[in-house]
Amino acid sequence: MSGVALSGAIKRYGDVQVIHGVDLDIADGEFCVFVGPSGCGKSTLLRMIAGLEETSDGTIAIGGRDVTKSEPAERGVAMVFQTYALYPHMSVEENMGFGLKMNGVPKEEIASKVGEASRILKLDDYLKRKPKALSGGQRQRVAIGRAIVRGPEVFLFDEPLSNLDAELRVDMRVEIARLHKEIGATMIYVTHDQVEAMTLADKIVVLRAGRVEQVGSPMDLYQDPDNRFVAGFIGSPSMNFMNGTVQGGGVVIPALGGARVETSVALPSEGADVIVGLRPQMLQVTEDAAGPLTIDIRERLGGVAYDYLTSGTGERLVVETRGDEAMPEGTKVRLDFDAADAMFFDAGSEARLR
């Protein structure tokens, strides 16, 4: 097992730079997730670590070895792709051991490594089947097993669950978490799904436009985001954002009927515009005929529901509620919350005000 270190990593395609000087340390045995919207550079960065994309500038080290110019096969990594890429004419057992066979590994050693991977991934009953006789989740486990038998220093996952249905995604998420716990290998995982990031990661790297916005544990990023982008990307449903104005040491929020929030945060000068962030879980809805908001839609998800509200200023908010009682759509309401739960962001830079 080995850690991964990136120093000033840059990727250019001609005159276009897509990765901008990434510095990152991933500890030995850590589960690190790259997360961000489509086009943010997370898969490109993963492929640079794998050696599938050339690093234009900067360095990449694995286990203390500089592998920036090394071929993929020399880096000690194994990659699991979005597509399973299994050989259809081979059995599960043959698919998992094929790479070792091509490298001239003795049959007994191949059988031993395939057996161990099969045990970890619970594939013992499927070893003689062909890929066409497997479910999507089982095929992805075979692809992961093929990586395990190679005994890599680092596992790389490029959106491995995106082709699975919702139920299988949950099952496979648990399987991957269990796999990491059992073998303790360094794993780097790319996804656009922040739920996967929050549930799997020891460390999350939030990317936007080829730059690292913030690095930290899931709860660090959830509770203490550095800017509006991270605050809105981490957490489901997303954080609510409202325009506010600094007045008398507090912040007035027009969307909440001019409610004023007192805070000890270092605010800009009097009259300055700020952005106020409140998570859906932090808000309470109260029916009020003179309230500044209207319930537009309610989504019921069993024990939890989401109310989608519109303010008189046109801003839209989401509130998480629990229990069976529901106010009809069109009901006028007000929102109550603890001022300590509010976050404030600069209206220009969108950096967090602290």
Protein backbone atom coordinates (compact mmCIF):
# COMPACT_ATOMS: atom_id res chain seq x y z
CA MET A 1 0.00 0.00 0.00
CA SER A 2 1.23 3.50 -0.73
CA GLY A 3 0.24 7.11 -0.54
CA VAL A 4 -0.12 9.44 -3.50
CA ALA A 5 1.30 12.98 -3.72
CA LEU A 6 0.63 15.57 -6.42
CA SER A 7 2.69 18.73 -6.58
CA GLY A 8 1.75 21.53 -8.98
CA ALA A 9 0.08 19.02 -11.33
CA ILE A 10 -0.98 20.68 -14.59
CA LYS A 11 -2.67 19.30 -17.70
CA ARG A 12 -2.82 21.13 -21.01
CA TYR A 13 -4.34 20.20 -24.32
CA GLY A 14 -2.50 22.50 -26.70
CA ASP A 15 -3.11 26.04 -25.48
CA VAL A 16 -6.02 25.01 -23.24
CA GLN A 17 -5.18 24.29 -19.59
CA VAL A 18 -7.71 22.02 -17.88
CA ILE A 19 -5.92 21.15 -14.60
CA HIS A 20 -4.42 24.12 -12.77
CA GLY A 21 -1.55 23.36 -10.43
CA VAL A 22 -3.10 20.74 -8.12
CA ASP A 23 -1.29 20.06 -4.84
CA LEU A 24 -2.63 17.06 -2.96
CA ASP A 25 -1.47 14.44 -0.45
CA ILE A 26 -3.37 11.16 -0.09
CA ALA A 27 -2.17 9.07 2.84
CA ASP A 28 -1.38 5.36 2.70
CA GLY A 29 -4.64 3.41 3.10
CA GLU A 30 -6.85 6.47 2.71
CA PHE A 31 -10.10 6.47 0.74
CA CYS A 32 -10.06 9.73 -1.22
CA VAL A 33 -12.96 10.87 -3.40
CA PHE A 34 -12.70 13.43 -6.21
CA VAL A 35 -16.09 15.10 -6.55
CA GLY A 36 -17.45 17.94 -8.63
CA PRO A 37 -19.77 18.75 -11.54
CA SER A 38 -19.32 17.40 -15.06
CA GLY A 39 -16.28 18.91 -16.75
CA CYS A 40 -14.50 19.89 -13.52
CA GLY A 41 -11.45 17.74 -14.33
CA LYS A 42 -11.87 14.93 -11.80
CA SER A 43 -11.55 12.06 -14.32
CA THR A 44 -8.67 13.81 -16.07
CA LEU A 45 -6.82 14.10 -12.75
CA LEU A 46 -7.45 10.41 -12.03
CA ARG A 47 -6.15 9.43 -15.48
CA MET A 48 -3.04 11.54 -14.86
CA ILE A 49 -2.38 9.51 -11.69
CA ALA A 50 -2.95 6.30 -13.68
CA GLY A 51 -0.60 7.42 -16.45
CA LEU A 52 -3.35 7.33 -19.07
CA GLU A 53 -2.99 11.11 -19.49
CA GLU A 54 0.40 12.79 -19.72
CA THR A 55 1.15 15.31 -16.97
CA SER A 56 2.09 18.59 -18.65
CA ASP A 57 3.85 20.03 -15.60
CA GLY A 58 4.36 19.27 -11.92
CA THR A 59 4.99 15.86 -10.35
CA ILE A 60 3.08 12.77 -9.27
CA ALA A 61 4.52 10.38 -6.70
CA ILE A 62 3.21 6.99 -5.57
CA GLY A 63 4.77 5.41 -2.50
CA GLY A 64 7.46 8.06 -2.56
CA ARG A 65 8.47 7.20 -6.15
CA ASP A 66 8.25 9.89 -8.82
CA VAL A 67 6.04 8.29 -11.47
CA THR A 68 5.29 11.45 -13.48
CA LYS A 69 6.91 10.03 -16.62
CA SER A 70 6.37 6.33 -15.86
CA GLU A 71 4.23 4.04 -18.00
CA PRO A 72 0.88 2.96 -16.49
CA ALA A 73 2.09 -0.61 -15.93
CA GLU A 74 5.04 0.69 -13.88
CA ARG A 75 2.99 2.77 -11.45
CA GLY A 76 1.55 0.04 -9.26
CA VAL A 77 -2.06 1.09 -9.82
CA ALA A 78 -5.20 -0.74 -10.94
CA MET A 79 -8.16 1.08 -12.44
CA VAL A 80 -11.85 0.20 -12.41
CA PHE A 81 -13.79 1.98 -15.13
CA GLN A 82 -17.39 3.07 -15.57
CA THR A 83 -17.83 0.29 -18.14
CA TYR A 84 -17.01 -3.22 -16.94
CA ALA A 85 -14.85 -4.13 -19.99
CA LEU A 86 -15.11 -7.88 -19.34
CA TYR A 87 -14.22 -10.50 -21.94
CA PRO A 88 -17.61 -11.99 -22.92
CA HIS A 89 -16.20 -15.39 -23.94
CA MET A 90 -14.37 -15.90 -20.63
CA SER A 91 -15.78 -17.05 -17.31
CA VAL A 92 -15.67 -14.86 -14.20
CA GLU A 93 -12.66 -16.85 -13.00
CA GLU A 94 -10.83 -16.39 -16.31
CA ASN A 95 -11.65 -12.70 -16.49
CA MET A 96 -10.25 -12.08 -13.04
CA GLY A 97 -7.04 -14.00 -13.66
CA PHE A 98 -6.40 -13.00 -17.27
CA GLY A 99 -3.95 -10.19 -16.49
CA LEU A 100 -1.85 -12.46 -14.30
CA LYS A 101 -1.92 -15.19 -16.94
CA MET A 102 -0.63 -12.76 -19.59
CA ASN A 103 2.24 -11.84 -17.23
CA GLY A 104 3.25 -15.48 -16.90
CA VAL A 105 2.17 -15.94 -13.28
CA PRO A 106 1.99 -19.66 -12.33
CA LYS A 107 -1.48 -21.25 -12.41
CA GLU A 108 -1.41 -22.10 -8.71
CA GLU A 109 -0.70 -18.49 -7.76
CA ILE A 110 -3.43 -17.23 -10.11
CA ALA A 111 -5.93 -19.66 -8.58
CA SER A 112 -4.98 -18.54 -5.08
CA LYS A 113 -5.33 -14.82 -5.83
CA VAL A 114 -8.58 -15.27 -7.75
CA GLY A 115 -9.96 -17.36 -4.88
CA GLU A 116 -9.08 -14.68 -2.33
CA ALA A 117 -10.64 -11.90 -4.43
CA SER A 118 -13.71 -14.05 -4.99
CA ARG A 119 -14.07 -14.56 -1.24
CA ILE A 120 -13.81 -10.84 -0.53
CA LEU A 121 -16.36 -9.95 -3.23
CA LYS A 122 -18.67 -12.93 -2.60
CA LEU A 123 -18.30 -14.27 -6.14
CA ASP A 124 -17.62 -17.93 -5.29
CA ASP A 125 -20.96 -19.08 -6.74
CA TYR A 126 -20.38 -17.28 -10.05
CA LEU A 127 -16.81 -18.22 -10.99
CA LYS A 128 -17.84 -20.47 -13.89
CA ARG A 129 -20.43 -18.09 -15.32
CA LYS A 130 -19.93 -15.86 -18.36
CA PRO A 131 -20.54 -12.11 -18.00
CA LYS A 132 -23.86 -12.30 -19.89
CA ALA A 133 -25.24 -14.45 -17.05
CA LEU A 134 -24.46 -11.80 -14.41
CA SER A 135 -26.30 -8.72 -13.17
CA GLY A 136 -24.78 -5.27 -13.54
CA GLY A 137 -23.66 -5.25 -9.92
CA GLN A 138 -22.06 -8.69 -10.25
CA ARG A 139 -20.18 -7.60 -13.39
CA GLN A 140 -18.82 -4.57 -11.59
CA ARG A 141 -17.66 -6.80 -8.74
CA VAL A 142 -15.81 -8.96 -11.28
CA ALA A 143 -14.13 -5.83 -12.64
CA ILE A 144 -13.11 -4.88 -9.10
CA GLY A 145 -11.90 -8.44 -8.52
CA ARG A 146 -9.72 -8.22 -11.62
CA ALA A 147 -8.08 -5.17 -10.02
CA ILE A 148 -7.66 -6.89 -6.64
CA VAL A 149 -5.79 -9.91 -8.01
CA ARG A 150 -3.11 -7.63 -9.41
CA GLY A 151 -2.22 -6.55 -5.87
CA PRO A 152 -1.78 -2.87 -6.75
CA GLU A 153 -0.44 -0.17 -4.45
CA VAL A 154 -3.37 2.11 -5.33
CA PHE A 155 -6.89 1.41 -6.59
CA LEU A 156 -8.43 3.98 -8.95
CA PHE A 157 -12.21 4.06 -9.52
CA ASP A 158 -13.65 6.17 -12.35
CA GLU A 159 -17.40 6.56 -11.66
CA PRO A 160 -17.80 2.77 -11.31
CA LEU A 161 -21.46 2.87 -10.25
CA SER A 162 -22.91 5.32 -12.76
CA ASN A 163 -24.30 2.56 -15.02
CA LEU A 164 -26.19 0.83 -12.21
CA ASP A 165 -29.76 1.42 -11.10
CA ALA A 166 -30.48 3.16 -7.79
CA GLU A 167 -30.80 0.02 -5.64
CA LEU A 168 -27.65 -1.55 -7.05
CA ARG A 169 -25.74 1.69 -6.54
CA VAL A 170 -26.52 1.55 -2.83
CA ASP A 171 -25.55 -2.13 -2.63
CA MET A 172 -22.27 -1.60 -4.49
CA ARG A 173 -21.45 1.47 -2.42
CA VAL A 174 -21.63 -0.73 0.67
CA GLU A 175 -19.54 -3.42 -1.06
CA ILE A 176 -16.79 -0.93 -1.94
CA ALA A 177 -16.77 0.48 1.60
CA ARG A 178 -16.51 -3.08 2.95
CA LEU A 179 -13.72 -3.86 0.48
CA HIS A 180 -11.69 -0.86 1.62
CA LYS A 181 -12.16 -1.81 5.25
CA GLU A 182 -11.03 -5.40 4.60
CA ILE A 183 -7.96 -4.84 2.42
CA GLY A 184 -6.96 -1.38 3.68
CA ALA A 185 -5.58 -0.24 0.33
CA THR A 186 -5.22 3.35 -0.84
CA MET A 187 -8.24 4.13 -3.02
CA ILE A 188 -9.04 7.14 -5.19
CA TYR A 189 -12.63 7.34 -6.37
CA VAL A 190 -14.19 9.74 -8.89
CA THR A 191 -17.88 10.61 -8.79
CA HIS A 192 -20.26 13.48 -9.47
CA ASP A 193 -22.60 12.09 -6.80
CA GLN A 194 -21.97 13.87 -3.52
CA VAL A 195 -23.91 11.16 -1.62
CA GLU A 196 -21.30 8.61 -2.74
CA ALA A 197 -18.58 11.03 -1.71
CA MET A 198 -20.06 11.63 1.74
CA THR A 199 -20.65 7.95 2.51
CA LEU A 200 -17.40 6.48 1.16
CA ALA A 201 -14.64 9.01 1.72
CA ASP A 202 -12.07 9.54 4.42
CA LYS A 203 -11.07 12.62 2.43
CA ILE A 204 -13.04 14.56 -0.19
CA VAL A 205 -11.43 16.73 -2.85
CA VAL A 206 -13.96 19.19 -4.31
CA LEU A 207 -12.99 20.28 -7.83
CA ARG A 208 -14.29 23.06 -10.04
CA ALA A 209 -12.93 24.03 -13.46
CA GLY A 210 -9.70 22.11 -12.91
CA ARG A 211 -8.95 23.67 -9.52
CA VAL A 212 -9.24 22.31 -6.00
CA GLU A 213 -11.88 24.28 -4.10
CA GLN A 214 -11.47 22.51 -0.75
CA VAL A 215 -10.06 19.31 0.76
CA GLY A 216 -11.28 17.74 3.98
CA SER A 217 -13.28 15.01 5.66
CA PRO A 218 -16.95 14.73 4.65
CA MET A 219 -18.23 16.39 7.81
CA ASP A 220 -15.56 19.11 7.70
CA LEU A 221 -16.79 20.13 4.26
CA TYR A 222 -20.43 19.86 5.29
CA GLN A 223 -20.09 21.86 8.50
CA ASP A 224 -17.33 24.28 7.52
CA PRO A 225 -17.30 25.00 3.74
CA ASP A 226 -14.84 27.61 2.48
CA ASN A 227 -17.14 29.09 -0.14
CA ARG A 228 -20.62 29.06 -1.63
CA PHE A 229 -19.72 26.43 -4.25
CA VAL A 230 -18.61 23.85 -1.68
CA ALA A 231 -21.53 24.69 0.62
CA GLY A 232 -23.99 24.14 -2.22
CA PHE A 233 -22.34 21.02 -3.62
CA ILE A 234 -21.90 19.09 -0.36
CA GLY A 235 -25.18 18.13 1.31
CA SER A 236 -28.48 16.82 -0.01
CA PRO A 237 -30.75 18.63 -0.66
CA SER A 238 -28.45 21.54 -1.44
CA MET A 239 -28.08 24.48 0.90
CA ASN A 240 -30.57 27.33 0.41
CA PHE A 241 -29.03 30.66 -0.59
CA MET A 242 -30.74 34.04 -0.13
CA ASN A 243 -29.68 37.60 -0.76
CA GLY A 244 -29.11 39.72 2.34
CA THR A 245 -28.03 43.23 3.29
CA VAL A 246 -25.83 44.27 6.20
CA GLN A 247 -27.72 46.54 8.59
CA GLY A 248 -26.75 47.52 12.13
CA GLY A 249 -24.31 44.66 12.61
CA GLY A 250 -26.82 42.05 11.43
CA VAL A 251 -28.17 40.85 8.08
CA VAL A 252 -31.65 41.60 6.73
CA ILE A 253 -33.11 38.91 4.44
CA PRO A 254 -35.85 40.20 2.08
CA ALA A 255 -36.91 36.66 1.08
CA LEU A 256 -37.90 36.02 4.69
CA GLY A 257 -40.04 39.14 4.89
CA GLY A 258 -37.18 41.36 6.05
CA ALA A 259 -36.18 39.12 8.94
CA ARG A 260 -32.97 40.29 10.58
CA VAL A 261 -30.27 37.82 11.62
CA GLU A 262 -27.77 38.72 14.33
CA THR A 263 -24.31 37.20 13.92
CA SER A 264 -20.81 37.42 15.33
CA VAL A 265 -19.35 36.84 11.85
CA ALA A 266 -17.09 39.60 10.50
CA LEU A 267 -19.47 41.26 8.03
CA PRO A 268 -18.70 43.81 5.30
CA SER A 269 -19.56 47.49 5.74
CA GLU A 270 -23.08 48.80 6.38
CA GLY A 271 -25.35 48.35 3.38
CA ALA A 272 -23.14 45.74 1.71
CA ASP A 273 -24.75 42.77 -0.02
CA VAL A 274 -24.08 39.27 1.32
CA ILE A 275 -25.37 35.78 0.62
CA VAL A 276 -27.05 33.88 3.45
CA GLY A 277 -26.93 30.08 3.44
CA LEU A 278 -29.25 27.80 5.41
CA ARG A 279 -29.52 24.04 5.03
CA PRO A 280 -33.01 22.54 4.51
CA GLN A 281 -32.64 20.52 7.71
CA MET A 282 -32.14 23.69 9.78
CA LEU A 283 -35.48 25.33 8.87
CA GLN A 284 -38.92 24.94 10.45
CA VAL A 285 -42.11 25.78 8.57
CA THR A 286 -44.99 27.47 10.38
CA GLU A 287 -48.34 28.29 8.79
CA ASP A 288 -48.85 32.07 8.77
CA ALA A 289 -51.49 33.87 6.69
CA ALA A 290 -49.18 36.89 6.55
CA GLY A 291 -46.08 34.80 5.90
CA PRO A 292 -43.59 35.82 3.18
CA LEU A 293 -43.37 32.36 1.56
CA THR A 294 -45.74 29.97 -0.21
CA ILE A 295 -45.59 26.18 -0.37
CA ASP A 296 -45.46 25.25 -4.05
CA ILE A 297 -44.72 21.52 -4.02
CA ARG A 298 -44.33 18.85 -1.34
CA GLU A 299 -42.34 15.69 -2.02
CA ARG A 300 -43.12 12.78 0.31
CA LEU A 301 -40.35 10.21 0.78
CA GLY A 302 -41.76 8.07 3.54
CA GLY A 303 -40.47 9.33 6.89
CA VAL A 304 -39.17 12.57 5.40
CA ALA A 305 -40.69 15.18 3.09
CA TYR A 306 -39.37 18.21 1.23
CA ASP A 307 -41.36 21.42 0.93
CA TYR A 308 -40.45 23.65 -2.01
CA LEU A 309 -41.22 27.27 -1.21
CA THR A 310 -41.25 30.52 -3.17
CA SER A 311 -40.71 33.90 -1.52
CA GLY A 312 -42.28 37.20 -2.49
CA THR A 313 -38.88 38.18 -3.93
CA GLY A 314 -38.92 35.16 -6.26
CA GLU A 315 -36.25 33.17 -4.41
CA ARG A 316 -36.88 29.45 -4.05
CA LEU A 317 -36.13 27.46 -0.92
CA VAL A 318 -36.30 23.83 0.20
CA VAL A 319 -37.24 22.73 3.72
CA GLU A 320 -36.88 19.21 5.10
CA THR A 321 -39.79 18.16 7.31
CA ARG A 322 -40.63 15.00 9.21
CA GLY A 323 -43.92 13.56 10.40
CA ASP A 324 -47.26 12.90 8.72
CA GLU A 325 -48.84 16.32 9.02
CA ALA A 326 -48.69 18.33 5.84
CA MET A 327 -49.83 21.80 4.89
CA PRO A 328 -51.61 22.03 1.53
CA GLU A 329 -49.79 23.43 -1.46
CA GLY A 330 -50.47 27.17 -1.71
CA THR A 331 -50.31 27.67 2.07
CA LYS A 332 -48.62 30.87 3.27
CA VAL A 333 -45.83 30.18 5.76
CA ARG A 334 -42.92 31.68 7.63
CA LEU A 335 -39.57 30.06 8.41
CA ASP A 336 -37.93 29.82 11.80
CA PHE A 337 -34.30 28.87 12.41
CA ASP A 338 -31.41 29.24 14.82
CA ALA A 339 -29.24 32.19 13.77
CA ALA A 340 -26.15 30.12 14.66
CA ASP A 341 -27.00 27.75 11.79
CA ALA A 342 -26.78 30.48 9.14
CA MET A 343 -23.66 30.83 7.00
CA PHE A 344 -22.65 34.05 5.26
CA PHE A 345 -20.77 34.49 1.99
CA ASP A 346 -19.31 37.52 0.23
CA ALA A 347 -21.66 38.53 -2.60
CA GLY A 348 -18.75 39.15 -4.97
CA SER A 349 -16.12 36.47 -4.36
CA GLU A 350 -18.59 34.01 -2.75
CA ALA A 351 -15.94 33.24 -0.11
CA ARG A 352 -17.21 32.31 3.34
CA LEU A 353 -17.39 35.13 5.88
CA ARG A 354 -16.09 33.97 9.26
